[in-house]
Amino acid sequence: MFSSRDMGIDLGTANTLVYVKGKGIIVREPSVVAIRTDSGAIEAVGEQAKMMIGRTPGNIVAVRPMKDGVIADFDTTATMLRYFIRQAMKKKSLLSGRPRVMVCVPSGITAVEKRAVEDATLQAGAREAHTIEEPMAAAIGAGLPVGEPTGSMVVDIGGGTTEVAIISLGGIVTSRSIRVAGDEMDEAIIQYIKKTYNLMIGERTAEELKISIGSAIPAERKETMEIRGRDLVSGLPKTLTISAEEIARALEDTVNAIVDTVKITLEKTPPELAADIMDRGIVLTGGGALLRDLDRLLAKETGMPVVVAENPLDCVALGTGKALDLIHLFKNRGGYGAKRRFSR
């Protein structure tokens, strides 16, 4: 039986969210750690560390220990997890025992990568580490009837990966995971502006462009945004005005890769489940679901209804937390829960 100390963690490439049973999502921070290069000491974690990206002195570096949904830097990830778990539990609760933790992982993850997530969670202070595949967590968080004999389709577009899955009877029938998502969109914007205007901009500026005027279809409104960067010819700071139409062009290849992944998954879907999805529609979750007109483009390309989940940014974290209560339903079916115990 899971207690109120237990938690679900959406360990994302861009952001980490922590759900505590009975309290909801109580930690929502960027997956960024600032480290002193001379001593290896942690300078800042989360929002404070993100503010330092591109602005640190020589002896401090701001890093993102998660890449494409998996651990790229084990020690830093464990340190970051420990920080977030302590933030969630507070000192008094931590003294009363180690929490059991459910962490979401991409569906395309390898056994070695999954073990790294479990080990990092245990090292961060968990008594038990459970894992759940990201699209399953997203579907549970979006309120889809995952345990029923009916097909549900979820497209979770995070920072590092896009997960597309058809779910029925508590299991994933067919799925695809590609390492193309929000980060790739930011990089596409950076490269477009570099090639077109010889202007170098940072990750944060690219993300602001994507959020403010980005769209999957060339915008009908003639929006523009002023940006600042470094001119690659003169080496001096420069201000430029970018239009929404240009950002849509920059994002075209990345968006098409996501659309193609959805189509391929649908092609592999059994006919009965495809009929269910035609009735219920495709559900979009994750930060990428907020890209303007992405639902319209997917509906046009697939011929199916497409809806954006109510709280797309929170779906995976909510589902990961709720899965703690549902895990007994799946254990007997060889479902999604995997477990590792802490040992001294």
C-alpha atoms as a PDB file:
ATOM      1  CA  MET A   1       0.000   0.000   0.000  1.00  0.00           C
ATOM      2  CA  PHE A   2       1.366   3.416  -0.934  1.00  0.00           C
ATOM      3  CA  SER A   3       1.480   6.145   1.716  1.00  0.00           C
ATOM      4  CA  SER A   4       1.120   9.920   1.579  1.00  0.00           C
ATOM      5  CA  ARG A   5       4.932  10.254   1.531  1.00  0.00           C
ATOM      6  CA  ASP A   6       5.165   8.571  -1.862  1.00  0.00           C
ATOM      7  CA  MET A   7       5.577  10.584  -5.023  1.00  0.00           C
ATOM      8  CA  GLY A   8       5.553  10.540  -8.790  1.00  0.00           C
ATOM      9  CA  ILE A   9       8.280  12.337 -10.721  1.00  0.00           C
ATOM     10  CA  ASP A  10       8.149  13.558 -14.310  1.00  0.00           C
ATOM     11  CA  LEU A  11      11.908  13.638 -14.897  1.00  0.00           C
ATOM     12  CA  GLY A  12      11.895  15.611 -18.125  1.00  0.00           C
ATOM     13  CA  THR A  13      14.617  16.931 -20.392  1.00  0.00           C
ATOM     14  CA  ALA A  14      13.369  20.500 -19.960  1.00  0.00           C
ATOM     15  CA  ASN A  15      11.448  20.457 -16.651  1.00  0.00           C
ATOM     16  CA  THR A  16      11.030  18.204 -13.619  1.00  0.00           C
ATOM     17  CA  LEU A  17       7.658  17.999 -11.864  1.00  0.00           C
ATOM     18  CA  VAL A  18       7.057  16.214  -8.557  1.00  0.00           C
ATOM     19  CA  TYR A  19       3.600  14.973  -7.537  1.00  0.00           C
ATOM     20  CA  VAL A  20       3.024  14.053  -3.883  1.00  0.00           C
ATOM     21  CA  LYS A  21      -0.023  11.956  -3.028  1.00  0.00           C
ATOM     22  CA  GLY A  22      -2.739  14.067  -1.437  1.00  0.00           C
ATOM     23  CA  LYS A  23      -0.974  17.342  -2.242  1.00  0.00           C
ATOM     24  CA  GLY A  24      -0.750  17.370  -6.053  1.00  0.00           C
ATOM     25  CA  ILE A  25       2.167  18.845  -8.006  1.00  0.00           C
ATOM     26  CA  ILE A  26       4.299  20.733  -5.496  1.00  0.00           C
ATOM     27  CA  VAL A  27       7.617  21.045  -7.367  1.00  0.00           C
ATOM     28  CA  ARG A  28       7.872  22.442 -10.891  1.00  0.00           C
ATOM     29  CA  GLU A  29      11.430  23.383 -11.846  1.00  0.00           C
ATOM     30  CA  PRO A  30      13.674  23.383 -14.959  1.00  0.00           C
ATOM     31  CA  SER A  31      15.967  20.325 -15.199  1.00  0.00           C
ATOM     32  CA  VAL A  32      19.096  22.466 -14.943  1.00  0.00           C
ATOM     33  CA  VAL A  33      22.049  22.359 -12.526  1.00  0.00           C
ATOM     34  CA  ALA A  34      24.767  25.025 -12.163  1.00  0.00           C
ATOM     35  CA  ILE A  35      28.130  23.546 -11.135  1.00  0.00           C
ATOM     36  CA  ARG A  36      31.453  25.108 -10.097  1.00  0.00           C
ATOM     37  CA  THR A  37      34.088  23.673 -12.439  1.00  0.00           C
ATOM     38  CA  ASP A  38      36.962  24.226  -9.990  1.00  0.00           C
ATOM     39  CA  SER A  39      35.455  22.375  -7.001  1.00  0.00           C
ATOM     40  CA  GLY A  40      32.561  20.405  -8.542  1.00  0.00           C
ATOM     41  CA  ALA A  41      30.187  21.982  -5.992  1.00  0.00           C
ATOM     42  CA  ILE A  42      26.547  22.610  -6.903  1.00  0.00           C
ATOM     43  CA  GLU A  43      25.904  26.347  -7.240  1.00  0.00           C
ATOM     44  CA  ALA A  44      22.165  26.230  -8.030  1.00  0.00           C
ATOM     45  CA  VAL A  45      19.401  23.859  -9.155  1.00  0.00           C
ATOM     46  CA  GLY A  46      16.182  24.442 -11.094  1.00  0.00           C
ATOM     47  CA  GLU A  47      14.908  27.939 -11.879  1.00  0.00           C
ATOM     48  CA  GLN A  48      17.941  29.696 -10.388  1.00  0.00           C
ATOM     49  CA  ALA A  49      20.276  27.535 -12.487  1.00  0.00           C
ATOM     50  CA  LYS A  50      18.235  28.140 -15.676  1.00  0.00           C
ATOM     51  CA  MET A  51      18.632  31.897 -15.232  1.00  0.00           C
ATOM     52  CA  MET A  52      22.403  31.310 -15.418  1.00  0.00           C
ATOM     53  CA  ILE A  53      22.411  29.557 -18.834  1.00  0.00           C
ATOM     54  CA  GLY A  54      24.621  31.565 -21.178  1.00  0.00           C
ATOM     55  CA  ARG A  55      25.435  34.054 -18.417  1.00  0.00           C
ATOM     56  CA  THR A  56      27.916  32.226 -16.183  1.00  0.00           C
ATOM     57  CA  PRO A  57      31.526  33.214 -15.422  1.00  0.00           C
ATOM     58  CA  GLY A  58      34.333  30.847 -16.389  1.00  0.00           C
ATOM     59  CA  ASN A  59      34.278  28.858 -13.139  1.00  0.00           C
ATOM     60  CA  ILE A  60      30.521  28.060 -13.256  1.00  0.00           C
ATOM     61  CA  VAL A  61      28.727  26.024 -15.909  1.00  0.00           C
ATOM     62  CA  ALA A  62      24.935  25.531 -16.188  1.00  0.00           C
ATOM     63  CA  VAL A  63      24.161  22.031 -17.502  1.00  0.00           C
ATOM     64  CA  ARG A  64      21.060  20.010 -18.341  1.00  0.00           C
ATOM     65  CA  PRO A  65      21.837  16.479 -17.082  1.00  0.00           C
ATOM     66  CA  MET A  66      18.938  14.960 -19.073  1.00  0.00           C
ATOM     67  CA  LYS A  67      19.250  14.665 -22.851  1.00  0.00           C
ATOM     68  CA  ASP A  68      16.569  13.281 -25.168  1.00  0.00           C
ATOM     69  CA  GLY A  69      14.595  12.041 -22.163  1.00  0.00           C
ATOM     70  CA  VAL A  70      17.449   9.964 -20.702  1.00  0.00           C
ATOM     71  CA  ILE A  71      20.279  10.548 -18.255  1.00  0.00           C
ATOM     72  CA  ALA A  72      23.356  12.089 -19.881  1.00  0.00           C
ATOM     73  CA  ASP A  73      25.150  12.886 -16.596  1.00  0.00           C
ATOM     74  CA  PHE A  74      24.384  10.350 -13.855  1.00  0.00           C
ATOM     75  CA  ASP A  75      25.917  12.090 -10.811  1.00  0.00           C
ATOM     76  CA  THR A  76      24.397  15.462 -11.644  1.00  0.00           C
ATOM     77  CA  THR A  77      20.971  13.873 -12.247  1.00  0.00           C
ATOM     78  CA  ALA A  78      21.127  12.106  -8.868  1.00  0.00           C
ATOM     79  CA  THR A  79      22.054  15.416  -7.190  1.00  0.00           C
ATOM     80  CA  MET A  80      19.193  17.192  -8.972  1.00  0.00           C
ATOM     81  CA  LEU A  81      16.709  14.458  -8.000  1.00  0.00           C
ATOM     82  CA  ARG A  82      17.855  14.587  -4.380  1.00  0.00           C
ATOM     83  CA  TYR A  83      17.267  18.342  -4.364  1.00  0.00           C
ATOM     84  CA  PHE A  84      13.751  18.013  -5.827  1.00  0.00           C
ATOM     85  CA  ILE A  85      12.786  15.133  -3.493  1.00  0.00           C
ATOM     86  CA  ARG A  86      13.892  17.178  -0.490  1.00  0.00           C
ATOM     87  CA  GLN A  87      11.991  20.180  -1.811  1.00  0.00           C
ATOM     88  CA  ALA A  88       8.862  18.033  -2.030  1.00  0.00           C
ATOM     89  CA  MET A  89       9.143  16.190   1.266  1.00  0.00           C
ATOM     90  CA  LYS A  90      10.663  18.840   3.554  1.00  0.00           C
ATOM     91  CA  LYS A  91      13.067  17.789   6.323  1.00  0.00           C
ATOM     92  CA  LYS A  92      10.455  16.615   8.832  1.00  0.00           C
ATOM     93  CA  SER A  93       8.859  14.209   6.366  1.00  0.00           C
ATOM     94  CA  LEU A  94      12.201  12.861   5.173  1.00  0.00           C
ATOM     95  CA  LEU A  95      13.123  11.863   8.720  1.00  0.00           C
ATOM     96  CA  SER A  96       9.968   9.744   8.961  1.00  0.00           C
ATOM     97  CA  GLY A  97      11.156   7.401   6.218  1.00  0.00           C
ATOM     98  CA  ARG A  98      12.274   7.096   2.643  1.00  0.00           C
ATOM     99  CA  PRO A  99       9.510   7.658   0.049  1.00  0.00           C
ATOM    100  CA  ARG A 100       8.556   5.216  -2.657  1.00  0.00           C
ATOM    101  CA  VAL A 101       8.973   6.960  -6.004  1.00  0.00           C
ATOM    102  CA  MET A 102       7.460   6.385  -9.449  1.00  0.00           C
ATOM    103  CA  VAL A 103       9.473   7.956 -12.286  1.00  0.00           C
ATOM    104  CA  CYS A 104       8.356   8.186 -15.903  1.00  0.00           C
ATOM    105  CA  VAL A 105      10.705   7.039 -18.685  1.00  0.00           C
ATOM    106  CA  PRO A 106      10.438   7.275 -22.509  1.00  0.00           C
ATOM    107  CA  SER A 107       8.872   4.217 -24.164  1.00  0.00           C
ATOM    108  CA  GLY A 108      11.939   3.812 -26.401  1.00  0.00           C
ATOM    109  CA  ILE A 109      14.366   3.663 -23.475  1.00  0.00           C
ATOM    110  CA  THR A 110      16.935   0.842 -23.247  1.00  0.00           C
ATOM    111  CA  ALA A 111      17.293  -1.458 -20.215  1.00  0.00           C
ATOM    112  CA  VAL A 112      20.592   0.253 -19.331  1.00  0.00           C
ATOM    113  CA  GLU A 113      18.997   3.717 -19.501  1.00  0.00           C
ATOM    114  CA  LYS A 114      16.054   2.559 -17.381  1.00  0.00           C
ATOM    115  CA  ARG A 115      18.410   1.109 -14.766  1.00  0.00           C
ATOM    116  CA  ALA A 116      20.281   4.438 -14.658  1.00  0.00           C
ATOM    117  CA  VAL A 117      17.002   6.245 -13.839  1.00  0.00           C
ATOM    118  CA  GLU A 118      16.200   3.716 -11.091  1.00  0.00           C
ATOM    119  CA  ASP A 119      19.723   3.904  -9.621  1.00  0.00           C
ATOM    120  CA  ALA A 120      19.683   7.707  -9.640  1.00  0.00           C
ATOM    121  CA  THR A 121      16.274   7.701  -7.886  1.00  0.00           C
ATOM    122  CA  LEU A 122      17.489   5.289  -5.196  1.00  0.00           C
ATOM    123  CA  GLN A 123      20.692   7.279  -4.749  1.00  0.00           C
ATOM    124  CA  ALA A 124      18.572  10.437  -4.360  1.00  0.00           C
ATOM    125  CA  GLY A 125      16.855   8.956  -1.288  1.00  0.00           C
ATOM    126  CA  ALA A 126      13.994   6.728  -2.488  1.00  0.00           C
ATOM    127  CA  ARG A 127      13.215   3.468  -0.680  1.00  0.00           C
ATOM    128  CA  GLU A 128      11.782   1.907  -3.841  1.00  0.00           C
ATOM    129  CA  ALA A 129      12.065   3.086  -7.446  1.00  0.00           C
ATOM    130  CA  HIS A 130       9.246   2.257  -9.862  1.00  0.00           C
ATOM    131  CA  THR A 131       9.179   3.252 -13.529  1.00  0.00           C
ATOM    132  CA  ILE A 132       6.276   3.922 -15.878  1.00  0.00           C
ATOM    133  CA  GLU A 133       6.410   4.578 -19.611  1.00  0.00           C
ATOM    134  CA  GLU A 134       5.790   8.222 -20.453  1.00  0.00           C
ATOM    135  CA  PRO A 135       2.818   7.808 -22.847  1.00  0.00           C
ATOM    136  CA  MET A 136       1.022   5.614 -20.281  1.00  0.00           C
ATOM    137  CA  ALA A 137       1.576   8.254 -17.586  1.00  0.00           C
ATOM    138  CA  ALA A 138       0.387  10.986 -19.977  1.00  0.00           C
ATOM    139  CA  ALA A 139      -2.771   9.007 -20.804  1.00  0.00           C
ATOM    140  CA  ILE A 140      -3.594   8.430 -17.117  1.00  0.00           C
ATOM    141  CA  GLY A 141      -2.948  12.100 -16.341  1.00  0.00           C
ATOM    142  CA  ALA A 142      -5.179  13.197 -19.237  1.00  0.00           C
ATOM    143  CA  GLY A 143      -8.020  11.095 -17.820  1.00  0.00           C
ATOM    144  CA  LEU A 144      -8.137   8.537 -20.650  1.00  0.00           C
ATOM    145  CA  PRO A 145      -9.777   5.161 -19.837  1.00  0.00           C
ATOM    146  CA  VAL A 146      -6.504   3.192 -20.024  1.00  0.00           C
ATOM    147  CA  GLY A 147      -7.891   0.128 -18.220  1.00  0.00           C
ATOM    148  CA  GLU A 148     -10.889  -0.382 -20.509  1.00  0.00           C
ATOM    149  CA  PRO A 149     -11.018  -2.566 -23.662  1.00  0.00           C
ATOM    150  CA  THR A 150     -11.123   0.485 -25.885  1.00  0.00           C
ATOM    151  CA  GLY A 151      -8.402   2.261 -27.844  1.00  0.00           C
ATOM    152  CA  SER A 152      -6.931   5.559 -26.653  1.00  0.00           C
ATOM    153  CA  MET A 153      -4.215   7.463 -28.498  1.00  0.00           C
ATOM    154  CA  VAL A 154      -1.867   9.899 -26.817  1.00  0.00           C
ATOM    155  CA  VAL A 155       0.867  12.072 -28.336  1.00  0.00           C
ATOM    156  CA  ASP A 156       3.183  13.419 -25.634  1.00  0.00           C
ATOM    157  CA  ILE A 157       5.582  16.102 -26.920  1.00  0.00           C
ATOM    158  CA  GLY A 158       8.138  16.918 -24.253  1.00  0.00           C
ATOM    159  CA  GLY A 159      11.497  18.647 -24.324  1.00  0.00           C
ATOM    160  CA  GLY A 160      13.653  15.757 -25.530  1.00  0.00           C
ATOM    161  CA  THR A 161      11.274  13.130 -26.923  1.00  0.00           C
ATOM    162  CA  THR A 162       7.909  12.768 -28.631  1.00  0.00           C
ATOM    163  CA  GLU A 163       6.001   9.681 -27.484  1.00  0.00           C
ATOM    164  CA  VAL A 164       3.117   8.343 -29.537  1.00  0.00           C
ATOM    165  CA  ALA A 165       1.136   5.375 -28.209  1.00  0.00           C
ATOM    166  CA  ILE A 166      -2.092   3.426 -28.615  1.00  0.00           C
ATOM    167  CA  ILE A 167      -3.294   2.170 -25.222  1.00  0.00           C
ATOM    168  CA  SER A 168      -5.911  -0.460 -24.369  1.00  0.00           C
ATOM    169  CA  LEU A 169      -6.615  -2.720 -21.356  1.00  0.00           C
ATOM    170  CA  GLY A 170      -3.877  -1.175 -19.251  1.00  0.00           C
ATOM    171  CA  GLY A 171      -1.118  -1.783 -21.776  1.00  0.00           C
ATOM    172  CA  ILE A 172       0.574  -0.114 -24.735  1.00  0.00           C
ATOM    173  CA  VAL A 173      -0.563  -1.863 -27.928  1.00  0.00           C
ATOM    174  CA  THR A 174       1.785  -0.008 -30.263  1.00  0.00           C
ATOM    175  CA  SER A 175       4.072   2.963 -29.731  1.00  0.00           C
ATOM    176  CA  ARG A 176       6.844   5.028 -31.254  1.00  0.00           C
ATOM    177  CA  SER A 177       9.361   7.267 -29.528  1.00  0.00           C
ATOM    178  CA  ILE A 178      11.466   9.785 -31.442  1.00  0.00           C
ATOM    179  CA  ARG A 179      14.085  12.108 -30.047  1.00  0.00           C
ATOM    180  CA  VAL A 180      12.530  15.106 -31.763  1.00  0.00           C
ATOM    181  CA  ALA A 181      10.558  17.516 -29.575  1.00  0.00           C
ATOM    182  CA  GLY A 182      10.749  20.946 -27.942  1.00  0.00           C
ATOM    183  CA  ASP A 183      14.548  21.123 -27.826  1.00  0.00           C
ATOM    184  CA  GLU A 184      14.769  20.291 -31.534  1.00  0.00           C
ATOM    185  CA  MET A 185      12.281  23.074 -32.260  1.00  0.00           C
ATOM    186  CA  ASP A 186      14.464  25.556 -30.346  1.00  0.00           C
ATOM    187  CA  GLU A 187      17.565  24.369 -32.212  1.00  0.00           C
ATOM    188  CA  ALA A 188      15.743  24.682 -35.565  1.00  0.00           C
ATOM    189  CA  ILE A 189      14.916  28.323 -34.750  1.00  0.00           C
ATOM    190  CA  ILE A 190      18.542  29.026 -33.749  1.00  0.00           C
ATOM    191  CA  GLN A 191      19.856  27.517 -37.004  1.00  0.00           C
ATOM    192  CA  TYR A 192      17.279  29.328 -39.174  1.00  0.00           C
ATOM    193  CA  ILE A 193      18.182  32.744 -37.740  1.00  0.00           C
ATOM    194  CA  LYS A 194      21.896  31.938 -37.975  1.00  0.00           C
ATOM    195  CA  LYS A 195      21.674  30.951 -41.664  1.00  0.00           C
ATOM    196  CA  THR A 196      19.213  33.665 -42.703  1.00  0.00           C
ATOM    197  CA  TYR A 197      20.517  36.652 -40.757  1.00  0.00           C
ATOM    198  CA  ASN A 198      24.035  35.690 -39.584  1.00  0.00           C
ATOM    199  CA  LEU A 199      22.755  36.282 -36.061  1.00  0.00           C
ATOM    200  CA  MET A 200      23.526  33.970 -33.146  1.00  0.00           C
ATOM    201  CA  ILE A 201      20.826  33.727 -30.473  1.00  0.00           C
ATOM    202  CA  GLY A 202      20.665  31.650 -27.290  1.00  0.00           C
ATOM    203  CA  GLU A 203      18.381  28.780 -26.265  1.00  0.00           C
ATOM    204  CA  ARG A 204      16.216  30.994 -24.075  1.00  0.00           C
ATOM    205  CA  THR A 205      15.580  33.496 -26.904  1.00  0.00           C
ATOM    206  CA  ALA A 206      14.676  30.644 -29.279  1.00  0.00           C
ATOM    207  CA  GLU A 207      12.254  29.231 -26.695  1.00  0.00           C
ATOM    208  CA  GLU A 208      10.641  32.659 -26.245  1.00  0.00           C
ATOM    209  CA  LEU A 209      10.160  32.945 -30.024  1.00  0.00           C
ATOM    210  CA  LYS A 210       8.565  29.472 -30.144  1.00  0.00           C
ATOM    211  CA  ILE A 211       6.178  30.217 -27.270  1.00  0.00           C
ATOM    212  CA  SER A 212       5.260  33.771 -28.306  1.00  0.00           C
ATOM    213  CA  ILE A 213       4.827  33.589 -32.095  1.00  0.00           C
ATOM    214  CA  GLY A 214       5.590  29.973 -33.090  1.00  0.00           C
ATOM    215  CA  SER A 215       2.997  27.868 -34.924  1.00  0.00           C
ATOM    216  CA  ALA A 216       2.736  24.589 -36.842  1.00  0.00           C
ATOM    217  CA  ILE A 217       0.957  26.310 -39.732  1.00  0.00           C
ATOM    218  CA  PRO A 218       2.071  29.684 -41.165  1.00  0.00           C
ATOM    219  CA  ALA A 219       0.218  32.171 -38.959  1.00  0.00           C
ATOM    220  CA  GLU A 220      -2.799  33.990 -40.307  1.00  0.00           C
ATOM    221  CA  ARG A 221      -2.013  36.932 -37.997  1.00  0.00           C
ATOM    222  CA  LYS A 222       1.028  38.987 -38.949  1.00  0.00           C
ATOM    223  CA  GLU A 223       2.786  38.806 -35.593  1.00  0.00           C
ATOM    224  CA  THR A 224       6.398  39.846 -35.058  1.00  0.00           C
ATOM    225  CA  MET A 225       8.861  39.772 -32.177  1.00  0.00           C
ATOM    226  CA  GLU A 226      12.024  41.736 -31.541  1.00  0.00           C
ATOM    227  CA  ILE A 227      15.089  39.696 -30.583  1.00  0.00           C
ATOM    228  CA  ARG A 228      18.685  40.425 -29.670  1.00  0.00           C
ATOM    229  CA  GLY A 229      21.758  38.393 -30.491  1.00  0.00           C
ATOM    230  CA  ARG A 230      25.348  38.558 -31.671  1.00  0.00           C
ATOM    231  CA  ASP A 231      26.072  39.483 -35.295  1.00  0.00           C
ATOM    232  CA  LEU A 232      28.410  36.787 -36.669  1.00  0.00           C
ATOM    233  CA  VAL A 233      29.968  39.220 -39.171  1.00  0.00           C
ATOM    234  CA  SER A 234      30.766  42.176 -36.908  1.00  0.00           C
ATOM    235  CA  GLY A 235      30.765  40.277 -33.609  1.00  0.00           C
ATOM    236  CA  LEU A 236      28.642  43.048 -32.075  1.00  0.00           C
ATOM    237  CA  PRO A 237      25.185  42.856 -30.435  1.00  0.00           C
ATOM    238  CA  LYS A 238      22.309  43.365 -32.871  1.00  0.00           C
ATOM    239  CA  THR A 239      18.508  43.731 -32.696  1.00  0.00           C
ATOM    240  CA  LEU A 240      16.238  42.059 -35.260  1.00  0.00           C
ATOM    241  CA  THR A 241      12.483  41.745 -35.859  1.00  0.00           C
ATOM    242  CA  ILE A 242      11.285  38.217 -36.712  1.00  0.00           C
ATOM    243  CA  SER A 243       7.842  37.342 -38.098  1.00  0.00           C
ATOM    244  CA  ALA A 244       5.603  34.439 -37.065  1.00  0.00           C
ATOM    245  CA  GLU A 245       5.673  33.166 -40.671  1.00  0.00           C
ATOM    246  CA  GLU A 246       9.459  32.780 -40.485  1.00  0.00           C
ATOM    247  CA  ILE A 247       9.249  30.801 -37.245  1.00  0.00           C
ATOM    248  CA  ALA A 248       6.637  28.499 -38.810  1.00  0.00           C
ATOM    249  CA  ARG A 249       9.067  27.883 -41.709  1.00  0.00           C
ATOM    250  CA  ALA A 250      11.895  27.203 -39.256  1.00  0.00           C
ATOM    251  CA  LEU A 251       9.770  24.630 -37.393  1.00  0.00           C
ATOM    252  CA  GLU A 252       8.462  22.894 -40.525  1.00  0.00           C
ATOM    253  CA  ASP A 253      10.864  19.916 -40.584  1.00  0.00           C
ATOM    254  CA  THR A 254      10.535  19.228 -36.853  1.00  0.00           C
ATOM    255  CA  VAL A 255       6.738  19.421 -36.940  1.00  0.00           C
ATOM    256  CA  ASN A 256       6.619  17.155 -40.012  1.00  0.00           C
ATOM    257  CA  ALA A 257       8.731  14.547 -38.175  1.00  0.00           C
ATOM    258  CA  ILE A 258       6.147  14.492 -35.360  1.00  0.00           C
ATOM    259  CA  VAL A 259       3.237  14.260 -37.843  1.00  0.00           C
ATOM    260  CA  ASP A 260       4.961  11.365 -39.679  1.00  0.00           C
ATOM    261  CA  THR A 261       5.465   9.511 -36.370  1.00  0.00           C
ATOM    262  CA  VAL A 262       1.749   9.824 -35.580  1.00  0.00           C
ATOM    263  CA  LYS A 263       0.864   8.507 -39.066  1.00  0.00           C
ATOM    264  CA  ILE A 264       3.241   5.521 -38.792  1.00  0.00           C
ATOM    265  CA  THR A 265       1.777   4.595 -35.390  1.00  0.00           C
ATOM    266  CA  LEU A 266      -1.753   4.774 -36.784  1.00  0.00           C
ATOM    267  CA  GLU A 267      -0.745   2.526 -39.701  1.00  0.00           C
ATOM    268  CA  LYS A 268       0.295  -0.176 -37.198  1.00  0.00           C
ATOM    269  CA  THR A 269      -2.916   0.064 -35.170  1.00  0.00           C
ATOM    270  CA  PRO A 270      -5.396  -2.869 -35.239  1.00  0.00           C
ATOM    271  CA  PRO A 271      -8.614  -1.905 -37.105  1.00  0.00           C
ATOM    272  CA  GLU A 272     -10.887  -2.161 -34.037  1.00  0.00           C
ATOM    273  CA  LEU A 273      -8.682   0.203 -32.043  1.00  0.00           C
ATOM    274  CA  ALA A 274      -8.379   2.571 -35.009  1.00  0.00           C
ATOM    275  CA  ALA A 275     -12.190   2.805 -35.043  1.00  0.00           C
ATOM    276  CA  ASP A 276     -12.157   3.695 -31.316  1.00  0.00           C
ATOM    277  CA  ILE A 277      -9.594   6.432 -31.932  1.00  0.00           C
ATOM    278  CA  MET A 278     -11.690   7.817 -34.773  1.00  0.00           C
ATOM    279  CA  ASP A 279     -14.543   8.174 -32.256  1.00  0.00           C
ATOM    280  CA  ARG A 280     -12.529   9.428 -29.275  1.00  0.00           C
ATOM    281  CA  GLY A 281      -9.819  11.405 -31.063  1.00  0.00           C
ATOM    282  CA  ILE A 282      -6.074  11.843 -30.545  1.00  0.00           C
ATOM    283  CA  VAL A 283      -5.054  13.533 -27.282  1.00  0.00           C
ATOM    284  CA  LEU A 284      -2.017  15.854 -27.233  1.00  0.00           C
ATOM    285  CA  THR A 285      -0.015  16.302 -24.017  1.00  0.00           C
ATOM    286  CA  GLY A 286       3.339  17.829 -23.024  1.00  0.00           C
ATOM    287  CA  GLY A 287       4.680  21.332 -23.559  1.00  0.00           C
ATOM    288  CA  GLY A 288       4.867  20.804 -27.334  1.00  0.00           C
ATOM    289  CA  ALA A 289       1.069  20.380 -27.429  1.00  0.00           C
ATOM    290  CA  LEU A 290       0.851  24.128 -26.763  1.00  0.00           C
ATOM    291  CA  LEU A 291       2.466  24.956 -30.125  1.00  0.00           C
ATOM    292  CA  ARG A 292      -0.191  26.959 -31.935  1.00  0.00           C
ATOM    293  CA  ASP A 293      -2.177  25.107 -34.636  1.00  0.00           C
ATOM    294  CA  LEU A 294      -0.412  21.766 -34.092  1.00  0.00           C
ATOM    295  CA  ASP A 295      -3.794  20.170 -33.317  1.00  0.00           C
ATOM    296  CA  ARG A 296      -5.249  21.623 -36.527  1.00  0.00           C
ATOM    297  CA  LEU A 297      -2.332  20.307 -38.607  1.00  0.00           C
ATOM    298  CA  LEU A 298      -2.554  16.796 -37.101  1.00  0.00           C
ATOM    299  CA  ALA A 299      -6.320  16.706 -37.649  1.00  0.00           C
ATOM    300  CA  LYS A 300      -5.842  17.726 -41.286  1.00  0.00           C
ATOM    301  CA  GLU A 301      -3.044  15.185 -41.916  1.00  0.00           C
ATOM    302  CA  THR A 302      -4.678  12.191 -40.157  1.00  0.00           C
ATOM    303  CA  GLY A 303      -8.349  12.907 -40.802  1.00  0.00           C
ATOM    304  CA  MET A 304      -9.061  12.284 -37.098  1.00  0.00           C
ATOM    305  CA  PRO A 305     -10.286  14.577 -34.335  1.00  0.00           C
ATOM    306  CA  VAL A 306      -7.412  15.981 -32.262  1.00  0.00           C
ATOM    307  CA  VAL A 307      -7.754  17.566 -28.816  1.00  0.00           C
ATOM    308  CA  VAL A 308      -5.218  19.171 -26.492  1.00  0.00           C
ATOM    309  CA  ALA A 309      -5.403  17.814 -22.919  1.00  0.00           C
ATOM    310  CA  GLU A 310      -6.733  20.143 -20.227  1.00  0.00           C
ATOM    311  CA  ASN A 311      -3.357  20.600 -18.492  1.00  0.00           C
ATOM    312  CA  PRO A 312      -0.854  19.337 -21.103  1.00  0.00           C
ATOM    313  CA  LEU A 313       2.237  20.359 -19.107  1.00  0.00           C
ATOM    314  CA  ASP A 314       1.050  18.460 -16.013  1.00  0.00           C
ATOM    315  CA  CYS A 315      -0.381  15.273 -17.556  1.00  0.00           C
ATOM    316  CA  VAL A 316       2.737  13.105 -17.203  1.00  0.00           C
ATOM    317  CA  ALA A 317       3.394  14.172 -13.595  1.00  0.00           C
ATOM    318  CA  LEU A 318      -0.268  13.694 -12.619  1.00  0.00           C
ATOM    319  CA  GLY A 319      -0.380  10.292 -14.321  1.00  0.00           C
ATOM    320  CA  THR A 320       2.884   9.195 -12.719  1.00  0.00           C
ATOM    321  CA  GLY A 321       1.478  10.073  -9.290  1.00  0.00           C
ATOM    322  CA  LYS A 322      -1.904   8.449  -9.922  1.00  0.00           C
ATOM    323  CA  ALA A 323      -0.165   5.291 -11.195  1.00  0.00           C
ATOM    324  CA  LEU A 324       1.049   4.639  -7.633  1.00  0.00           C
ATOM    325  CA  ASP A 325      -2.562   3.766  -6.731  1.00  0.00           C
ATOM    326  CA  LEU A 326      -3.136   1.710  -9.890  1.00  0.00           C
ATOM    327  CA  ILE A 327       0.048  -0.364  -9.926  1.00  0.00           C
ATOM    328  CA  HIS A 328      -1.625  -3.452  -8.397  1.00  0.00           C
ATOM    329  CA  LEU A 329      -3.958  -3.619 -11.413  1.00  0.00           C
ATOM    330  CA  PHE A 330      -1.039  -4.000 -13.805  1.00  0.00           C
ATOM    331  CA  LYS A 331       1.368  -6.261 -11.910  1.00  0.00           C
ATOM    332  CA  ASN A 332      -0.563  -9.417 -12.779  1.00  0.00           C
ATOM    333  CA  ARG A 333      -0.723  -8.428 -16.461  1.00  0.00           C
ATOM    334  CA  GLY A 334       2.985  -7.755 -16.903  1.00  0.00           C
ATOM    335  CA  GLY A 335       2.081  -4.085 -17.270  1.00  0.00           C
ATOM    336  CA  TYR A 336       4.007  -0.894 -16.863  1.00  0.00           C
ATOM    337  CA  GLY A 337       5.358  -0.919 -13.295  1.00  0.00           C
ATOM    338  CA  ALA A 338       8.988  -1.916 -12.742  1.00  0.00           C
ATOM    339  CA  LYS A 339      10.498  -1.824  -9.268  1.00  0.00           C
ATOM    340  CA  ARG A 340      13.941  -1.576  -7.670  1.00  0.00           C
ATOM    341  CA  ARG A 341      14.545  -1.528  -3.913  1.00  0.00           C
ATOM    342  CA  PHE A 342      17.067   0.450  -1.920  1.00  0.00           C
ATOM    343  CA  SER A 343      19.724  -1.754  -0.321  1.00  0.00           C
ATOM    344  CA  ARG A 344      22.501  -0.720   2.031  1.00  0.00           C
END
